[in-house]
C-alpha atoms as a PDB file:
ATOM      1  CA  MET A   1       0.000   0.000   0.000  1.00  0.00           C
ATOM      2  CA  ASN A   2       1.401   3.391  -1.010  1.00  0.00           C
ATOM      3  CA  ARG A   3      -0.425   6.109   0.981  1.00  0.00           C
ATOM      4  CA  ALA A   4       0.735   9.352   2.546  1.00  0.00           C
ATOM      5  CA  MET A   5      -1.393  11.323   5.015  1.00  0.00           C
ATOM      6  CA  LEU A   6      -0.065  14.727   6.072  1.00  0.00           C
ATOM      7  CA  VAL A   7      -1.241  17.800   7.937  1.00  0.00           C
ATOM      8  CA  GLY A   8       0.699  20.958   7.240  1.00  0.00           C
ATOM      9  CA  ARG A   9       0.775  24.504   5.927  1.00  0.00           C
ATOM     10  CA  LEU A  10       1.279  25.687   2.359  1.00  0.00           C
ATOM     11  CA  GLY A  11       4.762  27.081   1.746  1.00  0.00           C
ATOM     12  CA  LYS A  12       3.559  29.325  -1.065  1.00  0.00           C
ATOM     13  CA  ASP A  13       0.452  29.873  -3.181  1.00  0.00           C
ATOM     14  CA  PRO A  14      -0.490  26.958  -5.471  1.00  0.00           C
ATOM     15  CA  GLU A  15       0.702  27.223  -9.077  1.00  0.00           C
ATOM     16  CA  THR A  16      -1.573  25.931 -11.836  1.00  0.00           C
ATOM     17  CA  SER A  17      -0.720  25.066 -15.427  1.00  0.00           C
ATOM     18  CA  GLU A  18      -2.226  23.106 -18.295  1.00  0.00           C
ATOM     19  CA  VAL A  19      -0.755  19.718 -19.229  1.00  0.00           C
ATOM     20  CA  LYS A  20      -2.273  18.195 -22.358  1.00  0.00           C
ATOM     21  CA  ASP A  21      -6.035  18.334 -21.734  1.00  0.00           C
ATOM     22  CA  THR A  22      -6.052  18.745 -17.962  1.00  0.00           C
ATOM     23  CA  THR A  23      -5.073  21.154 -15.209  1.00  0.00           C
ATOM     24  CA  VAL A  24      -2.182  20.422 -12.860  1.00  0.00           C
ATOM     25  CA  THR A  25      -1.696  22.348  -9.624  1.00  0.00           C
ATOM     26  CA  LYS A  26       1.512  22.179  -7.590  1.00  0.00           C
ATOM     27  CA  PHE A  27       2.282  23.449  -4.118  1.00  0.00           C
ATOM     28  CA  SER A  28       4.568  22.737  -1.186  1.00  0.00           C
ATOM     29  CA  LEU A  29       3.359  21.579   2.210  1.00  0.00           C
ATOM     30  CA  ALA A  30       5.419  22.111   5.385  1.00  0.00           C
ATOM     31  CA  THR A  31       5.104  19.615   8.223  1.00  0.00           C
ATOM     32  CA  GLN A  32       6.842  19.579  11.578  1.00  0.00           C
ATOM     33  CA  ARG A  33       7.105  16.738  14.110  1.00  0.00           C
ATOM     34  CA  GLY A  34       7.686  19.071  17.043  1.00  0.00           C
ATOM     35  CA  LYS A  35       8.696  22.591  17.932  1.00  0.00           C
ATOM     36  CA  ASP A  36      12.404  21.700  18.113  1.00  0.00           C
ATOM     37  CA  LYS A  37      12.390  19.469  15.011  1.00  0.00           C
ATOM     38  CA  PRO A  38      13.263  20.752  11.516  1.00  0.00           C
ATOM     39  CA  THR A  39      10.486  21.543   9.055  1.00  0.00           C
ATOM     40  CA  GLN A  40       9.921  18.903   6.380  1.00  0.00           C
ATOM     41  CA  TRP A  41       8.835  20.070   2.909  1.00  0.00           C
ATOM     42  CA  HIS A  42       6.638  17.953   0.657  1.00  0.00           C
ATOM     43  CA  ASN A  43       5.894  18.576  -3.023  1.00  0.00           C
ATOM     44  CA  ILE A  44       2.191  18.044  -3.746  1.00  0.00           C
ATOM     45  CA  VAL A  45       0.604  17.611  -7.192  1.00  0.00           C
ATOM     46  CA  ALA A  46      -3.168  17.842  -7.751  1.00  0.00           C
ATOM     47  CA  TRP A  47      -4.878  17.101 -11.075  1.00  0.00           C
ATOM     48  CA  GLY A  48      -8.070  18.396 -12.681  1.00  0.00           C
ATOM     49  CA  LYS A  49     -10.924  19.777 -10.591  1.00  0.00           C
ATOM     50  CA  THR A  50      -9.151  19.039  -7.304  1.00  0.00           C
ATOM     51  CA  GLY A  51      -6.270  21.298  -8.304  1.00  0.00           C
ATOM     52  CA  THR A  52      -8.618  23.990  -9.586  1.00  0.00           C
ATOM     53  CA  VAL A  53     -10.450  24.090  -6.234  1.00  0.00           C
ATOM     54  CA  LEU A  54      -7.167  24.355  -4.347  1.00  0.00           C
ATOM     55  CA  GLN A  55      -5.936  27.134  -6.633  1.00  0.00           C
ATOM     56  CA  GLU A  56      -9.099  29.098  -5.934  1.00  0.00           C
ATOM     57  CA  TYR A  57      -9.461  28.616  -2.176  1.00  0.00           C
ATOM     58  CA  VAL A  58      -6.040  28.154  -0.534  1.00  0.00           C
ATOM     59  CA  LYS A  59      -2.961  30.337  -0.230  1.00  0.00           C
ATOM     60  CA  LYS A  60       0.407  30.443   1.481  1.00  0.00           C
ATOM     61  CA  GLY A  61       0.111  29.696   5.201  1.00  0.00           C
ATOM     62  CA  ASP A  62      -3.258  27.892   5.013  1.00  0.00           C
ATOM     63  CA  GLN A  63      -3.439  24.548   6.776  1.00  0.00           C
ATOM     64  CA  LEU A  64      -4.549  21.377   4.957  1.00  0.00           C
ATOM     65  CA  ALA A  65      -4.839  17.684   5.659  1.00  0.00           C
ATOM     66  CA  ILE A  66      -3.960  15.741   2.536  1.00  0.00           C
ATOM     67  CA  GLU A  67      -3.916  12.135   1.398  1.00  0.00           C
ATOM     68  CA  GLY A  68      -2.263  10.743  -1.692  1.00  0.00           C
ATOM     69  CA  GLU A  69       0.232   8.435  -3.329  1.00  0.00           C
ATOM     70  CA  ILE A  70       3.989   8.926  -3.047  1.00  0.00           C
ATOM     71  CA  ARG A  71       5.699   9.060  -6.437  1.00  0.00           C
ATOM     72  CA  ASN A  72       9.466   8.997  -6.871  1.00  0.00           C
ATOM     73  CA  GLY A  73      11.281   9.826 -10.075  1.00  0.00           C
ATOM     74  CA  SER A  74      14.514  11.097 -11.529  1.00  0.00           C
ATOM     75  CA  TYR A  75      15.900  13.137 -14.400  1.00  0.00           C
ATOM     76  CA  GLU A  76      19.293  14.263 -15.715  1.00  0.00           C
ATOM     77  CA  LYS A  77      20.462  17.841 -15.200  1.00  0.00           C
ATOM     78  CA  ASP A  78      23.929  19.015 -16.222  1.00  0.00           C
ATOM     79  CA  GLY A  79      25.050  15.392 -16.501  1.00  0.00           C
ATOM     80  CA  LYS A  80      23.938  14.512 -12.971  1.00  0.00           C
ATOM     81  CA  LYS A  81      20.967  12.433 -11.922  1.00  0.00           C
ATOM     82  CA  VAL A  82      18.423  14.374  -9.830  1.00  0.00           C
ATOM     83  CA  TYR A  83      15.930  12.428  -7.726  1.00  0.00           C
ATOM     84  CA  THR A  84      12.423  13.703  -7.025  1.00  0.00           C
ATOM     85  CA  SER A  85       9.656  12.790  -4.644  1.00  0.00           C
ATOM     86  CA  GLU A  86       6.112  14.135  -4.692  1.00  0.00           C
ATOM     87  CA  ILE A  87       2.666  13.250  -3.442  1.00  0.00           C
ATOM     88  CA  ASN A  88      -0.026  12.786  -6.056  1.00  0.00           C
ATOM     89  CA  LEU A  89      -3.041  14.213  -4.206  1.00  0.00           C
ATOM     90  CA  ASP A  90      -6.201  12.122  -3.917  1.00  0.00           C
ATOM     91  CA  SER A  91      -8.126  14.070  -1.268  1.00  0.00           C
ATOM     92  CA  PHE A  92      -7.787  17.009   1.089  1.00  0.00           C
ATOM     93  CA  THR A  93      -9.544  18.756   3.949  1.00  0.00           C
ATOM     94  CA  PHE A  94      -9.412  22.459   4.733  1.00  0.00           C
ATOM     95  CA  ILE A  95      -8.249  22.892   8.342  1.00  0.00           C
ATOM     96  CA  GLY A  96      -7.618  26.582   8.752  1.00  0.00           C
ATOM     97  CA  GLY A  97      -6.133  29.819   7.544  1.00  0.00           C
ATOM     98  CA  LYS A  98      -2.711  31.232   8.170  1.00  0.00           C
ATOM     99  CA  SER A  99      -1.533  31.091  11.765  1.00  0.00           C
ATOM    100  CA  ASN A 100      -0.834  34.279  13.679  1.00  0.00           C
ATOM    101  CA  ASN A 101       2.559  33.057  14.883  1.00  0.00           C
ATOM    102  CA  ASN A 102       5.644  32.368  12.798  1.00  0.00           C
ATOM    103  CA  ASP A 103       6.116  28.666  13.622  1.00  0.00           C
ATOM    104  CA  SER A 104       5.744  27.630   9.980  1.00  0.00           C
ATOM    105  CA  ASP A 105       8.152  30.320   8.766  1.00  0.00           C
ATOM    106  CA  THR A 106      11.224  28.887  10.486  1.00  0.00           C
ATOM    107  CA  GLU A 107      12.956  27.899   7.230  1.00  0.00           C
ATOM    108  CA  ASP A 108      13.179  29.184   3.675  1.00  0.00           C
ATOM    109  CA  GLU A 109      10.532  28.257   1.159  1.00  0.00           C
ATOM    110  CA  PRO A 110      11.205  25.039  -0.761  1.00  0.00           C
ATOM    111  CA  PRO A 111      12.422  25.143  -4.372  1.00  0.00           C
ATOM    112  CA  PHE A 112       9.157  23.693  -5.762  1.00  0.00           C
END
């Protein structure tokens, strides 16, 4: 079984583009295991209507619970192999807006 369930905050606003005949929306999700633990960044990909809804209703700092499939891949860049990992979103739940404290802003935004 390949399932990921995460609760976290968006690192930046979702970005939507068209791929062939469908919409793809990408965003980063920050999770943290504890106050003294480093922030973990996850690349999330949503397809079609799901991505369109996210693009319209969520923004940087909003909190979501997500569920999806982990997908790993790789590509060549400048003669070196680069490995990728992302979560292909199946479902999500809105949890809340941006927090008033800066807990989720402890590290730079991810390069997604």
